Protein backbone atom coordinates (compact mmCIF):
# COMPACT_ATOMS: atom_id res chain seq x y z
CA MET A 1 -36.83 -1.19 41.56
CA ILE A 2 -35.51 1.96 39.91
CA MET A 3 -37.71 3.49 37.25
CA SER A 4 -36.14 5.61 34.49
CA LYS A 5 -37.96 8.40 32.74
CA CYS A 6 -37.19 10.39 29.66
CA SER A 7 -38.68 13.46 28.06
CA GLY A 8 -40.35 13.24 24.69
CA ILE A 9 -37.35 14.89 23.00
CA THR A 10 -34.85 12.57 24.74
CA CYS A 11 -36.81 9.46 23.78
CA LEU A 12 -37.09 10.71 20.23
CA CYS A 13 -33.33 11.24 19.99
CA ARG A 14 -32.66 7.80 21.40
CA GLY A 15 -35.07 6.32 18.88
CA GLN A 16 -33.30 8.09 16.02
CA ILE A 17 -29.92 6.84 17.24
CA GLN A 18 -31.20 3.29 17.51
CA PHE A 19 -32.68 3.47 14.03
CA THR A 20 -29.40 4.82 12.61
CA VAL A 21 -27.38 2.06 14.28
CA VAL A 22 -29.73 -0.63 12.98
CA PHE A 23 -29.63 0.88 9.48
CA LEU A 24 -25.82 0.96 9.45
CA ILE A 25 -25.65 -2.63 10.66
CA PHE A 26 -28.05 -3.63 7.88
CA ILE A 27 -25.90 -1.93 5.25
CA LEU A 28 -22.72 -3.58 6.55
CA LEU A 29 -24.36 -7.01 6.59
CA TYR A 30 -25.74 -6.40 3.11
CA LEU A 31 -22.32 -5.53 1.71
CA PHE A 32 -20.65 -8.39 3.56
CA GLY A 33 -23.22 -10.76 2.17
CA MET A 34 -22.82 -9.31 -1.31
CA PHE A 35 -19.18 -10.32 -1.33
CA HIS A 36 -19.56 -13.67 0.34
CA SER A 37 -22.79 -14.81 -1.26
CA GLN A 38 -20.87 -14.91 -4.52
CA ALA A 39 -18.06 -17.10 -3.20
CA GLN A 40 -18.83 -19.67 -5.86
CA ALA A 41 -17.67 -19.26 -9.41
CA CYS A 42 -19.73 -17.07 -11.68
CA GLY A 43 -19.47 -18.06 -15.32
CA TRP A 44 -19.19 -21.12 -17.52
CA TRP A 45 -17.84 -20.96 -21.02
CA GLY A 46 -20.34 -22.32 -23.51
CA ASP A 47 -23.54 -21.76 -21.57
CA GLY A 48 -25.36 -19.68 -24.14
CA GLN A 49 -21.99 -18.68 -25.57
CA ASP A 50 -21.03 -20.42 -28.83
CA ASP A 51 -22.78 -23.59 -27.70
CA ASP A 52 -26.13 -24.11 -29.38
CA GLY A 53 -26.33 -27.84 -28.67
CA ASP A 54 -28.87 -29.29 -26.28
CA ASP A 55 -28.00 -31.31 -23.18
CA VAL A 56 -28.45 -34.67 -24.88
CA ILE A 57 -25.19 -36.62 -25.16
CA VAL A 58 -25.19 -38.94 -28.16
CA VAL A 59 -23.03 -42.04 -27.69
CA ASP A 60 -21.90 -44.86 -29.94
CA SER A 61 -22.29 -48.60 -29.35
CA ASP A 62 -19.37 -48.53 -26.91
CA GLY A 63 -20.87 -45.68 -24.90
CA ASN A 64 -18.41 -43.06 -26.14
CA PRO A 65 -19.74 -39.57 -26.90
CA VAL A 66 -20.29 -38.81 -30.57
CA PRO A 67 -19.18 -35.33 -31.66
CA ASP A 68 -21.42 -32.90 -33.47
CA GLU A 69 -21.33 -32.88 -37.24
CA GLU A 70 -18.08 -31.54 -38.70
CA SER A 71 -16.44 -31.73 -35.26
CA SER A 72 -13.87 -34.02 -33.73
CA LEU A 73 -13.44 -35.45 -30.26
CA ASP A 74 -9.91 -34.05 -30.41
CA ASP A 75 -11.24 -30.51 -30.86
CA PRO A 76 -11.04 -28.63 -27.50
CA VAL A 77 -14.19 -26.67 -28.29
CA GLU A 78 -16.13 -29.89 -28.86
CA GLN A 79 -14.56 -31.43 -25.76
CA THR A 80 -15.74 -28.46 -23.72
CA ARG A 81 -19.24 -28.70 -25.15
CA ILE A 82 -19.41 -32.36 -24.17
CA GLY A 83 -18.18 -31.43 -20.70
CA ASN A 84 -20.91 -28.81 -20.48
CA ARG A 85 -23.56 -31.35 -21.39
CA PHE A 86 -22.39 -33.80 -18.75
CA ARG A 87 -22.38 -30.98 -16.17
CA ARG A 88 -25.75 -29.52 -17.15
CA GLY A 89 -27.60 -32.75 -17.85
CA GLU A 90 -30.75 -33.80 -16.10
CA SER A 91 -30.39 -35.88 -12.94
CA SER A 92 -30.20 -39.09 -14.98
CA SER A 93 -27.50 -37.85 -17.34
CA ARG A 94 -25.55 -35.38 -15.20
CA ASP A 95 -22.06 -36.65 -14.48
CA TYR A 96 -19.63 -34.19 -12.93
CA ARG A 97 -16.69 -36.60 -13.11
CA GLU A 98 -17.18 -37.05 -16.84
CA ALA A 99 -17.49 -33.28 -17.22
CA VAL A 100 -14.17 -32.82 -15.44
CA GLN A 101 -12.47 -35.36 -17.70
CA TRP A 102 -13.65 -33.60 -20.86
CA TYR A 103 -12.79 -30.16 -19.52
CA ARG A 104 -9.33 -31.39 -18.61
CA LYS A 105 -8.73 -32.75 -22.14
CA ALA A 106 -9.50 -29.33 -23.59
CA ALA A 107 -7.78 -27.36 -20.82
CA GLU A 108 -4.53 -29.24 -21.33
CA GLN A 109 -4.65 -28.19 -24.97
CA GLY A 110 -4.65 -24.59 -23.75
CA PHE A 111 -8.31 -23.77 -24.44
CA ALA A 112 -9.22 -20.91 -22.12
CA GLY A 113 -12.94 -21.74 -21.91
CA ALA A 114 -12.19 -25.24 -20.67
CA GLN A 115 -9.55 -23.95 -18.25
CA ASN A 116 -12.16 -21.62 -16.75
CA ASN A 117 -14.72 -24.41 -16.49
CA LEU A 118 -12.22 -26.83 -14.94
CA ALA A 119 -11.33 -24.14 -12.40
CA ASN A 120 -15.04 -23.80 -11.59
CA MET A 121 -15.29 -27.52 -10.92
CA TYR A 122 -12.33 -27.41 -8.53
CA GLU A 123 -13.70 -24.31 -6.81
CA GLN A 124 -17.08 -25.90 -6.21
CA GLY A 125 -15.88 -29.45 -5.65
CA HIS A 126 -17.95 -30.90 -8.49
CA GLY A 127 -16.51 -34.14 -9.83
CA VAL A 128 -13.26 -33.56 -7.95
CA ALA A 129 -12.24 -32.81 -4.41
CA GLN A 130 -12.66 -29.11 -3.71
CA ASP A 131 -9.25 -27.52 -4.18
CA TYR A 132 -8.94 -23.73 -4.23
CA SER A 133 -5.26 -23.80 -5.16
CA GLU A 134 -5.98 -25.95 -8.20
CA ALA A 135 -8.93 -23.70 -9.06
CA ALA A 136 -6.73 -20.62 -8.89
CA LYS A 137 -4.09 -22.29 -11.08
CA TRP A 138 -6.57 -22.90 -13.89
CA TYR A 139 -8.21 -19.50 -13.46
CA VAL A 140 -4.80 -17.88 -13.96
CA LYS A 141 -4.25 -19.81 -17.19
CA ALA A 142 -7.64 -18.77 -18.55
CA ALA A 143 -7.44 -15.21 -17.25
CA GLU A 144 -4.08 -14.67 -18.92
CA GLN A 145 -5.79 -15.59 -22.18
CA GLU A 146 -8.31 -12.79 -21.59
CA ASN A 147 -11.24 -14.96 -20.49
CA SER A 148 -13.44 -12.46 -18.64
CA ASN A 149 -15.22 -15.05 -16.49
CA ALA A 150 -11.87 -16.35 -15.27
CA GLN A 151 -10.57 -12.84 -14.70
CA HIS A 152 -13.53 -11.98 -12.52
CA SER A 153 -13.38 -15.28 -10.62
CA LEU A 154 -9.65 -14.86 -10.06
CA GLY A 155 -10.33 -11.40 -8.66
CA ARG A 156 -12.76 -13.01 -6.20
CA MET A 157 -10.12 -15.54 -5.20
CA TYR A 158 -7.69 -12.74 -4.39
CA LEU A 159 -10.40 -10.76 -2.61
CA GLU A 160 -11.23 -13.66 -0.30
CA GLY A 161 -7.80 -15.30 -0.09
CA ARG A 162 -8.95 -18.62 -1.53
CA GLY A 163 -6.18 -20.57 -3.28
CA VAL A 164 -4.02 -17.43 -3.40
CA PRO A 165 -2.86 -14.95 -0.75
CA ARG A 166 -5.47 -12.33 0.04
CA ASP A 167 -4.51 -9.28 -2.01
CA PHE A 168 -6.96 -6.44 -2.59
CA LEU A 169 -4.78 -4.77 -5.25
CA GLU A 170 -4.59 -7.97 -7.27
CA ALA A 171 -8.35 -8.36 -6.87
CA ILE A 172 -8.90 -4.87 -8.25
CA ARG A 173 -6.49 -5.51 -11.13
CA TRP A 174 -8.38 -8.58 -12.28
CA PHE A 175 -11.79 -6.96 -11.72
CA GLN A 176 -10.67 -4.09 -13.94
CA LYS A 177 -9.54 -6.47 -16.66
CA ALA A 178 -12.92 -8.22 -16.55
CA ALA A 179 -14.73 -4.86 -16.55
CA GLU A 180 -12.86 -3.91 -19.73
CA LYS A 181 -14.73 -6.81 -21.33
CA ARG A 182 -18.06 -5.63 -19.86
CA HIS A 183 -18.34 -8.36 -17.21
CA PRO A 184 -21.33 -7.05 -15.17
CA MET A 185 -20.27 -8.49 -11.81
CA ALA A 186 -16.80 -7.01 -12.18
CA PHE A 187 -18.36 -3.53 -12.15
CA ARG A 188 -20.31 -4.45 -9.04
CA ASP A 189 -17.23 -5.66 -7.19
CA LEU A 190 -15.16 -2.64 -8.20
CA GLY A 191 -17.88 -0.37 -6.82
CA THR A 192 -17.83 -2.25 -3.53
CA MET A 193 -14.04 -2.04 -3.31
CA TYR A 194 -14.27 1.76 -3.51
CA TRP A 195 -17.31 1.93 -1.22
CA LYS A 196 -15.55 -0.09 1.47
CA GLY A 197 -12.02 1.20 0.81
CA LEU A 198 -10.46 -2.20 0.09
CA GLY A 199 -7.06 -1.71 -1.55
CA VAL A 200 -8.02 1.87 -2.40
CA SER A 201 -9.13 4.97 -0.56
CA LYS A 202 -12.87 5.06 0.09
CA ASP A 203 -14.48 7.05 -2.69
CA THR A 204 -18.25 7.42 -2.90
CA VAL A 205 -18.15 8.99 -6.36
CA LEU A 206 -16.11 6.15 -7.87
CA ALA A 207 -18.27 3.57 -6.12
CA TYR A 208 -21.36 5.13 -7.72
CA MET A 209 -19.60 5.28 -11.09
CA TRP A 210 -18.76 1.55 -11.10
CA TRP A 211 -22.21 0.57 -9.87
CA LYS A 212 -23.83 2.73 -12.53
CA LEU A 213 -21.72 0.99 -15.17
CA GLY A 214 -22.76 -2.37 -13.75
CA ALA A 215 -26.40 -1.32 -14.02
CA GLU A 216 -25.85 -0.12 -17.59
CA TYR A 217 -24.46 -3.54 -18.52
CA GLY A 218 -27.30 -5.46 -16.96
CA ASP A 219 -26.39 -6.19 -13.33
CA GLU A 220 -29.54 -5.65 -11.27
CA GLU A 221 -27.63 -5.77 -7.98
CA SER A 222 -25.44 -2.85 -9.12
CA GLU A 223 -28.58 -0.85 -9.86
CA LYS A 224 -29.86 -1.43 -6.33
CA LEU A 225 -26.50 -0.41 -4.85
CA GLN A 226 -26.40 2.68 -7.03
CA ASP A 227 -29.81 3.75 -5.70
CA MET A 228 -28.72 3.02 -2.13
CA ILE A 229 -25.56 5.12 -2.34
CA ALA A 230 -27.34 8.00 -4.10
CA GLU A 231 -29.19 8.74 -0.86
CA LYS A 232 -25.86 9.54 0.78
CA MET A 233 -24.57 11.83 -1.98
CA VAL A 234 -25.15 15.44 -2.88
CA PRO A 235 -26.38 16.27 -6.41
CA GLY A 236 -22.94 17.48 -7.50
CA GLN A 237 -21.34 14.16 -6.63
CA ILE A 238 -23.99 12.23 -8.54
CA ARG A 239 -23.52 14.42 -11.61
CA GLU A 240 -19.77 13.89 -11.45
CA ALA A 241 -20.13 10.11 -11.11
CA LYS A 242 -22.58 9.91 -14.03
CA LYS A 243 -20.24 11.99 -16.18
CA MET A 244 -17.33 9.70 -15.35
CA ALA A 245 -19.39 6.63 -16.21
CA GLN A 246 -20.44 8.16 -19.53
CA GLU A 247 -16.84 9.03 -20.37
CA TRP A 248 -15.75 5.49 -19.49
CA MET A 249 -18.33 4.01 -21.86
CA GLN A 250 -17.46 6.43 -24.64
CA GLY A 251 -13.78 5.64 -24.24
CA LYS A 252 -14.45 1.91 -24.67
CA LYS A 253 -16.38 2.15 -27.93
């Protein structure tokens, strides 16, 4: 049996190399997971947004939903609210298929919130067979009407090549549109695009800038990423990134 020996300095160097390799692998896995852990859709119209009704669905003697006061079952906003209540209901009242039917009624009238929610259902396979192409179709309709949730979700579809061809530039375009409307996760994804060099040249300063903006608008994950990347930057780069973020916010007021 052959025994190997190393000096204290050699062993120390090897230990540092091993630690560095493990650290880099951890960072890569973290970023990979950050993208792919959010493969599902990330925003429903009406959940805490212009929908102050509870999850109780009132029905008439025939079992048909009764609209809220001063509303109509032909109103796409009311249809979407009913869809939300079927989707969110407790185990005894939750009915994804009914939710899909109500979302579709409103979506076919051109209501962007319902189009986004219907896309979510297709993306997740709730109440319908999972169909990324159909999800992308409805996301496009909602995104073109400036729905920020749909814009961000469509960017994710392009990023991952689900329902549409994988296209980093299109992903960035839709992330930017969502970021214009202060969508927190859009900032996070833009930062990662620049950090990893997806569709753009790798740029640590811009990655920090987008993550700082995400943190400013309430995304805790962006704040963690901002702190992580700061350890790899010199003070001048951090100052530049913070200045750019401040200018971005001032320009959007």
